[in-house]
PDB file of N, CA and C in Angstrom:
ATOM      1  N   MET A   1      97.881  97.431  94.272  1.00  0.00           N
ATOM      2  CA  MET A   1      98.041  98.275  95.225  1.00  0.00           C
ATOM      3  C   MET A   1      98.824  97.756  96.381  1.00  0.00           C
ATOM      4  N   LYS A   2      99.926  98.331  97.472  1.00  0.00           N
ATOM      5  CA  LYS A   2     100.667  97.476  98.292  1.00  0.00           C
ATOM      6  C   LYS A   2     100.766  98.423  99.474  1.00  0.00           C
ATOM      7  N   VAL A   3     100.732  97.912 100.447  1.00  0.00           N
ATOM      8  CA  VAL A   3     100.585  98.937 101.654  1.00  0.00           C
ATOM      9  C   VAL A   3     101.621  98.205 102.474  1.00  0.00           C
ATOM     10  N   HIS A   4     102.916  99.562 102.848  1.00  0.00           N
ATOM     11  CA  HIS A   4     104.311  98.891 103.069  1.00  0.00           C
ATOM     12  C   HIS A   4     103.954  99.512 104.503  1.00  0.00           C
ATOM     13  N   ILE A   5     104.103  99.071 105.419  1.00  0.00           N
ATOM     14  CA  ILE A   5     104.594  99.667 106.963  1.00  0.00           C
ATOM     15  C   ILE A   5     105.884  98.685 107.382  1.00  0.00           C
ATOM     16  N   LYS A   6     106.430 100.090 108.022  1.00  0.00           N
ATOM     17  CA  LYS A   6     108.032 100.167 108.877  1.00  0.00           C
ATOM     18  C   LYS A   6     107.627 100.204 110.447  1.00  0.00           C
ATOM     19  N   GLU A   7     108.038  99.396 110.684  1.00  0.00           N
ATOM     20  CA  GLU A   7     107.852  99.729 112.342  1.00  0.00           C
ATOM     21  C   GLU A   7     109.410 100.525 112.691  1.00  0.00           C
ATOM     22  N   GLU A   8     109.468 100.936 113.864  1.00  0.00           N
ATOM     23  CA  GLU A   8     110.519 101.396 114.692  1.00  0.00           C
ATOM     24  C   GLU A   8     111.769 100.935 115.072  1.00  0.00           C
ATOM     25  N   GLY A   9     111.262  99.176 114.928  1.00  0.00           N
ATOM     26  CA  GLY A   9     111.924  98.510 116.380  1.00  0.00           C
ATOM     27  C   GLY A   9     112.792  97.626 114.487  1.00  0.00           C
ATOM     28  N   GLY A  10     112.768  97.863 113.376  1.00  0.00           N
ATOM     29  CA  GLY A  10     112.997  97.735 112.106  1.00  0.00           C
ATOM     30  C   GLY A  10     112.022  96.583 111.452  1.00  0.00           C
ATOM     31  N   ARG A  11     111.267  96.009 112.128  1.00  0.00           N
ATOM     32  CA  ARG A  11     110.042  95.250 111.598  1.00  0.00           C
ATOM     33  C   ARG A  11     109.242  95.928 110.407  1.00  0.00           C
ATOM     34  N   ARG A  12     109.348  94.940 109.124  1.00  0.00           N
ATOM     35  CA  ARG A  12     108.970  95.695 108.202  1.00  0.00           C
ATOM     36  C   ARG A  12     107.862  94.653 107.385  1.00  0.00           C
ATOM     37  N   PHE A  13     106.452  94.982 106.684  1.00  0.00           N
ATOM     38  CA  PHE A  13     105.938  93.682 106.522  1.00  0.00           C
ATOM     39  C   PHE A  13     104.828  94.794 105.048  1.00  0.00           C
ATOM     40  N   THR A  14     104.495  93.888 104.029  1.00  0.00           N
ATOM     41  CA  THR A  14     103.904  94.519 102.686  1.00  0.00           C
ATOM     42  C   THR A  14     102.409  93.461 103.040  1.00  0.00           C
ATOM     43  N   ILE A  15     101.399  94.514 102.300  1.00  0.00           N
ATOM     44  CA  ILE A  15      99.930  93.806 102.332  1.00  0.00           C
ATOM     45  C   ILE A  15      99.559  93.906 101.195  1.00  0.00           C
ATOM     46  N   PRO A  16      99.853  93.160 100.104  1.00  0.00           N
ATOM     47  CA  PRO A  16      99.250  93.584  98.779  1.00  0.00           C
ATOM     48  C   PRO A  16      97.978  93.457  98.806  1.00  0.00           C
ATOM     49  N   LEU A  17      97.182  94.381  97.852  1.00  0.00           N
ATOM     50  CA  LEU A  17      96.199  94.599  97.482  1.00  0.00           C
ATOM     51  C   LEU A  17      95.282  94.734  96.165  1.00  0.00           C
ATOM     52  N   PRO A  18      94.898  93.887  95.621  1.00  0.00           N
ATOM     53  CA  PRO A  18      94.396  94.343  94.283  1.00  0.00           C
ATOM     54  C   PRO A  18      93.839  95.341  94.064  1.00  0.00           C
ATOM     55  N   ALA A  19      94.436  96.037  93.092  1.00  0.00           N
ATOM     56  CA  ALA A  19      94.133  97.661  92.987  1.00  0.00           C
ATOM     57  C   ALA A  19      92.567  97.248  92.142  1.00  0.00           C
ATOM     58  N   GLY A  20      92.528  96.095  91.399  1.00  0.00           N
ATOM     59  CA  GLY A  20      90.939  96.797  90.839  1.00  0.00           C
ATOM     60  C   GLY A  20      90.198  95.909  91.635  1.00  0.00           C
ATOM     61  N   LEU A  21      90.507  95.233  92.886  1.00  0.00           N
ATOM     62  CA  LEU A  21      89.161  94.862  93.744  1.00  0.00           C
ATOM     63  C   LEU A  21      89.494  95.684  94.762  1.00  0.00           C
ATOM     64  N   ALA A  22      90.142  96.731  95.497  1.00  0.00           N
ATOM     65  CA  ALA A  22      89.658  97.776  96.057  1.00  0.00           C
ATOM     66  C   ALA A  22      89.233  99.294  95.388  1.00  0.00           C
ATOM     67  N   LEU A  23      89.153  98.847  93.850  1.00  0.00           N
ATOM     68  CA  LEU A  23      88.924  99.833  93.118  1.00  0.00           C
ATOM     69  C   LEU A  23      87.038 100.249  93.049  1.00  0.00           C
ATOM     70  N   ARG A  24      87.224  97.995  92.904  1.00  0.00           N
ATOM     71  CA  ARG A  24      85.985  97.756  92.259  1.00  0.00           C
ATOM     72  C   ARG A  24      84.795  97.654  93.870  1.00  0.00           C
ATOM     73  N   PHE A  25      85.834  97.984  94.896  1.00  0.00           N
ATOM     74  CA  PHE A  25      84.710  97.904  96.299  1.00  0.00           C
ATOM     75  C   PHE A  25      84.526  99.507  96.363  1.00  0.00           C
ATOM     76  N   MET A  26      85.432 100.563  96.356  1.00  0.00           N
ATOM     77  CA  MET A  26      84.927 101.690  96.381  1.00  0.00           C
ATOM     78  C   MET A  26      84.260 102.235  95.189  1.00  0.00           C
ATOM     79  N   GLY A  27      84.046 101.833  94.000  1.00  0.00           N
ATOM     80  CA  GLY A  27      82.732 102.108  93.099  1.00  0.00           C
ATOM     81  C   GLY A  27      81.411 101.470  93.764  1.00  0.00           C
ATOM     82  N   PHE A  28      81.597 100.126  94.222  1.00  0.00           N
ATOM     83  CA  PHE A  28      80.191 100.008  94.447  1.00  0.00           C
ATOM     84  C   PHE A  28      79.655 100.793  95.659  1.00  0.00           C
ATOM     85  N   ALA A  29      80.545 100.857  96.638  1.00  0.00           N
ATOM     86  CA  ALA A  29      80.267 102.336  97.592  1.00  0.00           C
ATOM     87  C   ALA A  29      79.581 103.594  97.094  1.00  0.00           C
ATOM     88  N   ALA A  30      80.609 103.922  96.544  1.00  0.00           N
ATOM     89  CA  ALA A  30      79.697 105.463  95.655  1.00  0.00           C
ATOM     90  C   ALA A  30      78.657 105.055  94.660  1.00  0.00           C
ATOM     91  N   GLY A  31      78.856 103.661  94.195  1.00  0.00           N
ATOM     92  CA  GLY A  31      77.204 103.942  94.035  1.00  0.00           C
ATOM     93  C   GLY A  31      76.169 104.510  94.250  1.00  0.00           C
ATOM     94  N   ARG A  32      76.385 103.898  95.618  1.00  0.00           N
ATOM     95  CA  ARG A  32      74.812 104.705  96.288  1.00  0.00           C
ATOM     96  C   ARG A  32      75.052 106.119  96.857  1.00  0.00           C
ATOM     97  N   ARG A  33      75.979 106.881  96.597  1.00  0.00           N
ATOM     98  CA  ARG A  33      76.179 108.210  97.349  1.00  0.00           C
ATOM     99  C   ARG A  33      75.921 109.349  96.450  1.00  0.00           C
ATOM    100  N   GLY A  34      74.982 109.270  95.087  1.00  0.00           N
ATOM    101  CA  GLY A  34      74.591 110.305  94.616  1.00  0.00           C
ATOM    102  C   GLY A  34      75.643 111.218  93.561  1.00  0.00           C
ATOM    103  N   GLU A  35      75.547 112.116  94.194  1.00  0.00           N
ATOM    104  CA  GLU A  35      76.599 113.220  93.290  1.00  0.00           C
ATOM    105  C   GLU A  35      78.183 113.138  94.030  1.00  0.00           C
ATOM    106  N   ALA A  36      78.475 112.777  95.118  1.00  0.00           N
ATOM    107  CA  ALA A  36      79.504 111.901  95.661  1.00  0.00           C
ATOM    108  C   ALA A  36      79.771 111.134  94.730  1.00  0.00           C
ATOM    109  N   GLY A  37      79.368 110.142  94.888  1.00  0.00           N
ATOM    110  CA  GLY A  37      79.214 108.781  93.551  1.00  0.00           C
ATOM    111  C   GLY A  37      79.952 108.718  92.661  1.00  0.00           C
ATOM    112  N   ARG A  38      79.628 110.005  91.766  1.00  0.00           N
ATOM    113  CA  ARG A  38      79.946 109.936  90.958  1.00  0.00           C
ATOM    114  C   ARG A  38      81.554 110.856  90.344  1.00  0.00           C
ATOM    115  N   GLU A  39      82.465 111.748  91.184  1.00  0.00           N
ATOM    116  CA  GLU A  39      82.991 112.110  92.017  1.00  0.00           C
ATOM    117  C   GLU A  39      84.266 111.800  92.076  1.00  0.00           C
ATOM    118  N   ILE A  40      83.529 110.344  92.876  1.00  0.00           N
ATOM    119  CA  ILE A  40      84.327 108.898  93.561  1.00  0.00           C
ATOM    120  C   ILE A  40      85.303 108.428  92.510  1.00  0.00           C
ATOM    121  N   LYS A  41      83.819 108.030  90.936  1.00  0.00           N
ATOM    122  CA  LYS A  41      83.993 107.151  90.045  1.00  0.00           C
ATOM    123  C   LYS A  41      85.127 107.883  89.267  1.00  0.00           C
ATOM    124  N   ALA A  42      85.511 109.087  88.738  1.00  0.00           N
ATOM    125  CA  ALA A  42      86.076 110.636  88.098  1.00  0.00           C
ATOM    126  C   ALA A  42      87.786 109.945  89.018  1.00  0.00           C
ATOM    127  N   VAL A  43      87.718 109.585  90.690  1.00  0.00           N
ATOM    128  CA  VAL A  43      88.402 110.038  90.615  1.00  0.00           C
ATOM    129  C   VAL A  43      89.661 108.248  90.303  1.00  0.00           C
ATOM    130  N   MET A  44      88.789 107.161  90.701  1.00  0.00           N
ATOM    131  CA  MET A  44      89.135 106.404  90.135  1.00  0.00           C
ATOM    132  C   MET A  44      89.349 105.592  89.111  1.00  0.00           C
ATOM    133  N   ARG A  45      88.941 106.679  87.638  1.00  0.00           N
ATOM    134  CA  ARG A  45      89.342 106.432  86.656  1.00  0.00           C
ATOM    135  C   ARG A  45      90.684 106.870  86.209  1.00  0.00           C
ATOM    136  N   GLY A  46      90.487 108.471  87.267  1.00  0.00           N
ATOM    137  CA  GLY A  46      92.109 109.068  87.054  1.00  0.00           C
ATOM    138  C   GLY A  46      93.445 108.127  88.259  1.00  0.00           C
ATOM    139  N   LEU A  47      93.015 107.378  89.219  1.00  0.00           N
ATOM    140  CA  LEU A  47      93.942 106.547  89.626  1.00  0.00           C
ATOM    141  C   LEU A  47      94.071 105.306  88.721  1.00  0.00           C
ATOM    142  N   LYS A  48      93.343 104.681  87.250  1.00  0.00           N
ATOM    143  CA  LYS A  48      93.381 103.721  86.848  1.00  0.00           C
ATOM    144  C   LYS A  48      94.606 103.724  85.322  1.00  0.00           C
ATOM    145  N   GLN A  49      93.994 105.166  85.245  1.00  0.00           N
ATOM    146  CA  GLN A  49      95.007 105.927  84.164  1.00  0.00           C
ATOM    147  C   GLN A  49      96.655 106.274  84.805  1.00  0.00           C
ATOM    148  N   ALA A  50      96.729 106.682  85.918  1.00  0.00           N
ATOM    149  CA  ALA A  50      98.006 106.560  86.523  1.00  0.00           C
ATOM    150  C   ALA A  50      99.198 105.875  86.853  1.00  0.00           C
ATOM    151  N   LYS A  51      98.035 104.539  87.056  1.00  0.00           N
ATOM    152  CA  LYS A  51      98.363 103.394  87.213  1.00  0.00           C
ATOM    153  C   LYS A  51      99.210 102.688  85.732  1.00  0.00           C
ATOM    154  N   LYS A  52      98.737 102.745  85.158  1.00  0.00           N
ATOM    155  CA  LYS A  52      99.059 102.281  83.562  1.00  0.00           C
ATOM    156  C   LYS A  52     100.192 103.623  82.991  1.00  0.00           C
ATOM    157  N   VAL A  53     100.157 104.708  83.371  1.00  0.00           N
ATOM    158  CA  VAL A  53     101.537 105.501  83.128  1.00  0.00           C
ATOM    159  C   VAL A  53     102.734 105.796  83.809  1.00  0.00           C
ATOM    160  N   TRP A  54     102.534 105.682  85.493  1.00  0.00           N
ATOM    161  CA  TRP A  54     103.550 105.767  85.911  1.00  0.00           C
ATOM    162  C   TRP A  54     104.421 104.224  87.140  1.00  0.00           C
ATOM    163  N   GLY A  55     102.803 103.537  87.267  1.00  0.00           N
ATOM    164  CA  GLY A  55     103.315 102.187  87.779  1.00  0.00           C
ATOM    165  C   GLY A  55     103.361 102.391  89.223  1.00  0.00           C
ATOM    166  N   HIS A  56     104.235 101.711  89.822  1.00  0.00           N
ATOM    167  CA  HIS A  56     104.417 102.305  91.309  1.00  0.00           C
ATOM    168  C   HIS A  56     104.086 103.431  91.832  1.00  0.00           C
ATOM    169  N   LEU A  57     103.318 104.315  91.412  1.00  0.00           N
ATOM    170  CA  LEU A  57     103.202 105.322  92.254  1.00  0.00           C
ATOM    171  C   LEU A  57     102.813 105.427  93.350  1.00  0.00           C
ATOM    172  N   ALA A  58     103.078 106.099  94.309  1.00  0.00           N
ATOM    173  CA  ALA A  58     102.894 106.938  96.162  1.00  0.00           C
ATOM    174  C   ALA A  58     102.079 107.497  96.193  1.00  0.00           C
ATOM    175  N   VAL A  59     100.255 106.846  96.675  1.00  0.00           N
ATOM    176  CA  VAL A  59      99.529 107.944  96.734  1.00  0.00           C
ATOM    177  C   VAL A  59      99.878 108.368  98.343  1.00  0.00           C
ATOM    178  N   VAL A  60     100.398 107.740  99.075  1.00  0.00           N
ATOM    179  CA  VAL A  60     100.038 107.711 100.630  1.00  0.00           C
ATOM    180  C   VAL A  60     101.629 107.546 100.757  1.00  0.00           C
ATOM    181  N   GLU A  61     101.878 108.529 101.705  1.00  0.00           N
ATOM    182  CA  GLU A  61     103.447 108.103 102.660  1.00  0.00           C
ATOM    183  C   GLU A  61     103.603 109.335 103.611  1.00  0.00           C
ATOM    184  N   ILE A  62     103.871 108.241 104.613  1.00  0.00           N
ATOM    185  CA  ILE A  62     103.339 108.839 106.077  1.00  0.00           C
ATOM    186  C   ILE A  62     104.649 108.370 106.547  1.00  0.00           C
ATOM    187  N   LYS A  63     105.185 109.441 107.087  1.00  0.00           N
ATOM    188  CA  LYS A  63     106.418 109.159 107.998  1.00  0.00           C
ATOM    189  C   LYS A  63     105.993 109.761 109.460  1.00  0.00           C
ATOM    190  N   ASP A  64     106.389 108.607 110.587  1.00  0.00           N
ATOM    191  CA  ASP A  64     106.311 109.528 111.833  1.00  0.00           C
ATOM    192  C   ASP A  64     107.528 109.815 112.723  1.00  0.00           C
ATOM    193  N   LYS A  65     107.780 110.985 113.415  1.00  0.00           N
ATOM    194  CA  LYS A  65     109.033 110.916 114.470  1.00  0.00           C
ATOM    195  C   LYS A  65     109.437 110.084 114.668  1.00  0.00           C
ATOM    196  N   ASP A  66     108.746 109.129 115.380  1.00  0.00           N
ATOM    197  CA  ASP A  66     109.291 107.884 116.156  1.00  0.00           C
ATOM    198  C   ASP A  66     110.162 107.101 115.469  1.00  0.00           C
ATOM    199  N   GLY A  67     109.816 107.512 113.401  1.00  0.00           N
ATOM    200  CA  GLY A  67     110.667 106.137 112.646  1.00  0.00           C
ATOM    201  C   GLY A  67     109.466 104.992 111.899  1.00  0.00           C
ATOM    202  N   ASP A  68     108.349 105.426 112.352  1.00  0.00           N
ATOM    203  CA  ASP A  68     107.569 104.764 111.979  1.00  0.00           C
ATOM    204  C   ASP A  68     107.261 105.060 110.390  1.00  0.00           C
ATOM    205  N   GLU A  69     106.616 103.680 109.078  1.00  0.00           N
ATOM    206  CA  GLU A  69     106.526 104.672 108.526  1.00  0.00           C
ATOM    207  C   GLU A  69     104.981 103.711 107.791  1.00  0.00           C
ATOM    208  N   VAL A  70     104.429 103.790 106.930  1.00  0.00           N
ATOM    209  CA  VAL A  70     103.480 104.271 105.644  1.00  0.00           C
ATOM    210  C   VAL A  70     103.443 104.692 104.411  1.00  0.00           C
ATOM    211  N   VAL A  71     103.173 103.510 104.133  1.00  0.00           N
ATOM    212  CA  VAL A  71     103.166 104.321 101.908  1.00  0.00           C
ATOM    213  C   VAL A  71     102.502 103.551 101.677  1.00  0.00           C
ATOM    214  N   ILE A  72     101.035 103.928 100.843  1.00  0.00           N
ATOM    215  CA  ILE A  72     100.940 102.459 100.016  1.00  0.00           C
ATOM    216  C   ILE A  72     100.943 103.393  98.481  1.00  0.00           C
ATOM    217  N   THR A  73     101.607 102.146  97.039  1.00  0.00           N
ATOM    218  CA  THR A  73     101.659 102.590  96.619  1.00  0.00           C
ATOM    219  C   THR A  73     100.528 102.122  95.232  1.00  0.00           C
ATOM    220  N   LEU A  74     100.252 101.998  94.364  1.00  0.00           N
ATOM    221  CA  LEU A  74      99.410 101.957  93.202  1.00  0.00           C
ATOM    222  C   LEU A  74      99.848 100.279  92.603  1.00  0.00           C
TER     223      LEU A  74
END
């Protein structure tokens, strides 16, 4: 999983985040939530399958009218 950030001035940087670590953290947090936790775990399974099928899938893509961009990919 990667977070790509592009600022208006042209500065770009990428924050690599291991998808397994992020999904594991979400799983631990979801484990204590009861019914909502089961739904979050189902979403996590779907994200893992999507990563296997499509690879670099853009999950979140935000573009500001000022020129700032944030893209989160699997």
